[in-house]
């Protein structure tokens, strides 16, 4: 079983979008029993808050539900609990490194690196372009799923 943690800053926009897009892709691939997927943030400023309403609305448009999800901060223990920790941007990578104390097992990666791109997923909290973020996240999650299922 692959245990994947998606991480952004507050865990109300990009990382929950990645969590639920990946869960949807895994379900459609018939591989639900092979994956455990969560999301978290590097900050505790949104802790306990639900998925940001524009994200929830956008996911719903694509028949993806995220009900019941509330933001949480990543912990050092998450490093040992998960096989992969997937960051949305370079600032998240730095935050994850501060929380974990380093990536001794090469578990931490930028999401779009799986699609052959070394760039961040822009934060729709600031850009207001939730669809662009969704498209990048879908690209990264699809490539990640393909990478993991090819390696079996």
Protein backbone atom coordinates (compact mmCIF):
# COMPACT_ATOMS: atom_id res chain seq x y z
CA UNK A 1 0.00 0.00 0.00
CA UNK A 2 1.24 3.47 -0.93
CA UNK A 3 0.70 6.06 1.80
CA UNK A 4 0.76 9.57 0.33
CA UNK A 5 0.56 12.92 2.11
CA UNK A 6 -0.05 16.04 0.01
CA UNK A 7 1.17 19.27 1.60
CA UNK A 8 0.59 22.99 1.03
CA UNK A 9 0.66 25.98 3.38
CA UNK A 10 -2.76 26.02 5.05
CA UNK A 11 -4.37 22.74 3.92
CA UNK A 12 -7.54 24.39 2.66
CA UNK A 13 -6.83 24.83 -1.10
CA UNK A 14 -4.12 22.97 -2.99
CA UNK A 15 -3.31 19.99 -0.79
CA UNK A 16 -6.94 18.99 -0.18
CA UNK A 17 -7.55 19.47 -3.91
CA UNK A 18 -4.66 17.07 -4.55
CA UNK A 19 -5.90 14.64 -1.88
CA UNK A 20 -9.37 14.35 -3.37
CA UNK A 21 -8.29 14.44 -7.02
CA UNK A 22 -5.84 11.62 -6.29
CA UNK A 23 -8.49 9.64 -4.41
CA UNK A 24 -10.80 10.06 -7.42
CA UNK A 25 -8.10 8.92 -9.87
CA UNK A 26 -7.25 5.92 -7.69
CA UNK A 27 -10.92 4.98 -7.42
CA UNK A 28 -11.42 5.24 -11.19
CA UNK A 29 -8.34 3.04 -11.67
CA UNK A 30 -9.81 0.42 -9.32
CA UNK A 31 -6.80 0.73 -7.03
CA UNK A 32 -8.39 2.07 -3.84
CA UNK A 33 -7.04 -0.84 -1.78
CA UNK A 34 -3.48 0.07 -2.86
CA UNK A 35 -3.48 3.66 -1.57
CA UNK A 36 -3.93 5.64 1.63
CA UNK A 37 -4.11 9.38 0.91
CA UNK A 38 -4.26 12.43 3.19
CA UNK A 39 -3.29 16.09 3.13
CA UNK A 40 -1.85 18.56 5.62
CA UNK A 41 -0.33 22.04 5.82
CA UNK A 42 2.99 23.40 6.95
CA UNK A 43 1.17 26.08 8.97
CA UNK A 44 -1.42 25.76 11.71
CA UNK A 45 -3.20 29.02 10.79
CA UNK A 46 -6.15 27.20 9.13
CA UNK A 47 -6.21 24.20 11.48
CA UNK A 48 -9.74 22.87 11.94
CA UNK A 49 -11.16 24.87 9.03
CA UNK A 50 -13.01 23.12 6.19
CA UNK A 51 -11.86 23.05 2.58
CA UNK A 52 -12.02 26.58 1.16
CA UNK A 53 -15.50 27.06 -0.41
CA UNK A 54 -14.28 27.89 -3.96
CA UNK A 55 -12.21 24.68 -3.94
CA UNK A 56 -15.14 22.65 -2.65
CA UNK A 57 -17.37 24.15 -5.38
CA UNK A 58 -14.81 23.48 -8.12
CA UNK A 59 -14.27 19.87 -7.06
CA UNK A 60 -18.02 19.37 -6.88
CA UNK A 61 -18.27 20.55 -10.50
CA UNK A 62 -16.06 17.55 -11.38
CA UNK A 63 -18.14 15.21 -9.17
CA UNK A 64 -15.44 15.03 -6.49
CA UNK A 65 -16.53 15.40 -2.88
CA UNK A 66 -14.38 16.57 0.01
CA UNK A 67 -16.94 16.76 2.79
CA UNK A 68 -15.72 16.30 6.33
CA UNK A 69 -12.13 17.35 5.55
CA UNK A 70 -10.66 19.87 7.97
CA UNK A 71 -7.22 21.42 7.85
CA UNK A 72 -4.42 20.04 9.95
CA UNK A 73 -0.75 20.82 10.35
CA UNK A 74 1.83 18.28 9.27
CA UNK A 75 3.81 16.71 12.11
CA UNK A 76 7.24 15.16 12.35
CA UNK A 77 5.53 11.78 12.88
CA UNK A 78 3.96 12.08 9.42
CA UNK A 79 7.39 11.54 7.92
CA UNK A 80 7.45 8.01 9.28
CA UNK A 81 3.73 7.33 8.62
CA UNK A 82 3.82 8.14 4.89
CA UNK A 83 5.80 6.71 1.97
CA UNK A 84 5.62 9.93 -0.04
CA UNK A 85 5.20 13.53 1.04
CA UNK A 86 4.21 15.65 -1.94
CA UNK A 87 4.62 19.43 -1.83
CA UNK A 88 2.78 21.95 -3.97
CA UNK A 89 5.59 24.55 -4.10
CA UNK A 90 9.14 25.34 -3.03
CA UNK A 91 8.05 27.18 0.11
CA UNK A 92 6.17 24.03 1.14
CA UNK A 93 9.35 22.00 0.58
CA UNK A 94 11.20 24.31 2.98
CA UNK A 95 8.37 24.10 5.52
CA UNK A 96 8.29 20.31 5.32
CA UNK A 97 12.06 20.23 5.81
CA UNK A 98 11.72 22.38 8.97
CA UNK A 99 9.03 20.06 10.33
CA UNK A 100 10.79 16.78 9.50
CA UNK A 101 14.39 17.81 10.10
CA UNK A 102 15.40 16.59 6.64
CA UNK A 103 14.53 13.98 4.07
CA UNK A 104 16.76 11.04 5.01
CA UNK A 105 14.64 8.54 3.01
CA UNK A 106 14.00 10.61 -0.15
CA UNK A 107 10.24 10.75 0.45
CA UNK A 108 9.66 14.45 -0.19
CA UNK A 109 8.95 15.62 -3.73
CA UNK A 110 7.37 18.48 -5.65
CA UNK A 111 4.09 17.28 -7.23
CA UNK A 112 4.80 18.48 -10.75
CA UNK A 113 8.19 16.74 -10.76
CA UNK A 114 6.23 13.55 -11.52
CA UNK A 115 5.06 15.22 -14.73
CA UNK A 116 8.65 16.15 -15.62
CA UNK A 117 8.25 19.78 -14.56
CA UNK A 118 10.24 21.56 -11.87
CA UNK A 119 7.72 24.26 -11.10
CA UNK A 120 5.30 25.10 -8.35
CA UNK A 121 1.54 24.91 -8.41
CA UNK A 122 0.43 28.51 -8.00
CA UNK A 123 -1.56 29.24 -4.87
CA UNK A 124 -5.17 30.03 -5.84
CA UNK A 125 -5.67 31.74 -2.46
CA UNK A 126 -3.63 34.58 -3.98
CA UNK A 127 -4.12 34.13 -7.75
CA UNK A 128 -7.86 33.34 -7.48
CA UNK A 129 -7.33 30.98 -10.43
CA UNK A 130 -8.62 27.77 -8.88
CA UNK A 131 -9.09 26.07 -12.25
CA UNK A 132 -5.42 26.57 -13.21
CA UNK A 133 -4.38 25.03 -9.90
CA UNK A 134 -6.79 22.13 -10.45
CA UNK A 135 -5.38 21.46 -13.91
CA UNK A 136 -1.79 21.44 -12.61
CA UNK A 137 -2.77 19.22 -9.69
CA UNK A 138 -4.57 16.82 -12.03
CA UNK A 139 -1.48 16.71 -14.26
CA UNK A 140 0.78 15.96 -11.29
CA UNK A 141 -1.54 13.42 -9.67
CA UNK A 142 -2.08 11.58 -12.95
CA UNK A 143 1.68 11.36 -13.49
CA UNK A 144 2.22 10.28 -9.88
CA UNK A 145 -0.39 7.52 -10.20
CA UNK A 146 1.14 6.37 -13.48
CA UNK A 147 4.60 6.33 -11.90
CA UNK A 148 3.46 4.28 -8.91
CA UNK A 149 1.35 1.79 -10.84
CA UNK A 150 4.09 1.30 -13.46
CA UNK A 151 6.59 0.43 -10.75
CA UNK A 152 4.53 -2.50 -9.47
